[in-house]
Amino acid sequence: MVQKDLNAQHLESLVDFLSEPLVTSLFAWHPNDLGSASFQPPDEWQGWWLWAGGEMHGERDHDAHASDPWMLLLRYYDSCRRISDETIAGSSLRLPEGFQTIPAPLRSLMQNASTLASPRQRGHIIYPEPGGADQTLAHTAFSSHENDHRRVDAFRGMSPKKAHEVAEMTSFIRAMTIDFPSISDIRMAVDVGAGQGYLSRALRDDCGLHVLALDYSYVQTQGAAKRDAANKPKRRPEALPNDPHEASTTRQTGHHADEAQASDAEPLRGSLTYVTAKIDANSLREATRAWIEGEGSNAVVDFSSSQIKSEQRNPVPVLFVALHACGSLTPDILRAFTAQHRASSATASWTPRAAVVVGCCYNMMRSEDFLLSRALRSSQAGSNFKLSPSHLQLAAQVPAEWMRSEETLHQARLALRKIVWRALIQDVLHPPQEASADSGMPGGPKVRVQGPHDNAVTTEERRSKRLGRLNDAAYAEWETFAHRVRAKLGLHQGTLERADRARERRIEVFHVLRCIVGPVIESLIMLDRAVWVAEELQASSHSSCCLFVAQTL
């Protein structure tokens, strides 16, 4: 009961923060709205609006990048994460130099956001004991792959980001099976949304697991199987069916070819079966059942005879993994997990033992997949709380990583510039009045769309064109950006002059504040899911699984 109350309290604290007037107002608008000359800031913004625009403290010093308001916010947020609450929450005289100018409401917002958001240290457990100081998972069990002779082949074709994710996920799963006796006997894993099968192959080769690589895309499944065959020429898969609409299966076994040349006495450790199928809670259970029971033309795994005899008596324990469980795929995996857990052990051929799922693309989540937990739905704070599309778009933002290196900071600057400059031409793309495209207001973009020969581009013509995506080079200088915009919108005879920097700074601050709230939104989504799964498992008459939620990547 105490643990349940702690989780409920943490959920309510997250909702309370997101329901504060200042935080709510940040998600009531879009950066493009702020770019319009007609935009009027809400009352909650008056303090920081003036500060961000520069009216309260004059011009910045010669280092424009370091002294930009958004950079100051980012540095303060980073300090909130690193320095004790006592130091940060003290009087302004105790604040590190430069932070005193930040309006108090913004400092409070960032302090609360840094406290409420789940820690992102590798292996830090946020459930079942949120905020526990010593809840870490197997820090010493993670091993580097730098000296592993298999890494070159295993990571071939991956981007650095993908290679990092696969390596971290594989190490995390290996550490789990070592540190938790309740899952140490797992030999079967289902990679949900396997894509090109990078993680599936790592689990087979590095963890010795029998893996079902499940994906909805025939093209992805076919590509994964061909890549596997290319890496292991001595173990080619069976041909995939010609009809991409049919559920398809192909199977790979063992390690890389050089390992296959080892002693004949060495047992075959893992296997890999590729299956193409639509993925939802029901189809996931059915695909797993068919795989475990060996239906179809491909056998599932190469168990020894002793394994077969022992596992015929009890359901086979299965691990679900998903490296990119987009949108509602995570809740669907959890629904399959809890539903199968409730199934009768006398008739079930398999049982879910653990799940390692990395959610993403929250903007693609179905509306019914939040709120899930009864604890939050029944609370006063959560009963009427909704996540807007803006919340979901920003839930995966991790501003704590922006300053990790010069490269990540450069990428953050570029991403922010794209958002701000797009907002500054809002009145060009969507003129507030057909008769006037020039705002005439300080800080608004100065737009002239009528050329010297009076061949004006009409509002209807502008609206019929989309700016679309511009490459990074278009954002090198404002003049380059303006030229690309004119070319795309047909404003060949017009000009697009850069606005006063005050409006740019305000949009920058607005967007960075929203991103700082992003980890709180994701923490709410994750904890709601974790509590919901616990509620479902506890409602079962069977013994509950070992459940925890940890951020790992």
Foldseek 3Di string as FASTA:
>chain_A
DVLVVQLLVLLLLLLVLCPDPVNVQLLVDALLLLLDLPDDRDPSCVVVLCVLLQVVPHDDDPPCVCLRPLNLLLVLLLCLLVDDCVQLVDDLVSDPPPNSSHDPVSSVSSNSLSVSFQDQDAQAFCPSRHPDPPRGAPPVQQDDCPPPPCLVLLCPPPDPVVSVLLSLVLSRVLSCLVPDVLNVPAQEEEAEQCFLPSNVQCCCAVVLHAYEDEHQFLVRLVNNLVSVCVQAVVWHWDDWDPDRVDWTKIKTFAYHNVVVPPDPPDDTRYMYMYIHDDDFLVVVLVVVQCLLVQPDDGHNDDDDPVVVVVLVQWAREYEYEYSECEACSVVRPLSNQLVQQQDDRRPHNHHYFYYHYDYDNNLNHDQVLPQQFPSQCVDPSRVPDGDDSLLSVQQPFDSSCCVVDPVSVVVVVLVLLVSLVVSLCSCVLPPPDQVDSASPHAQHKGKDQAAPVRPGDGNVLSPVFDLPDDDSVCSPDVVSVQVSSCVRSVSVRMGIDDGDCSSSSSSSNSVSSSNSSNSSSNSSSVSSSQNSSVVSQVPRPDDRHDDTDHNRD
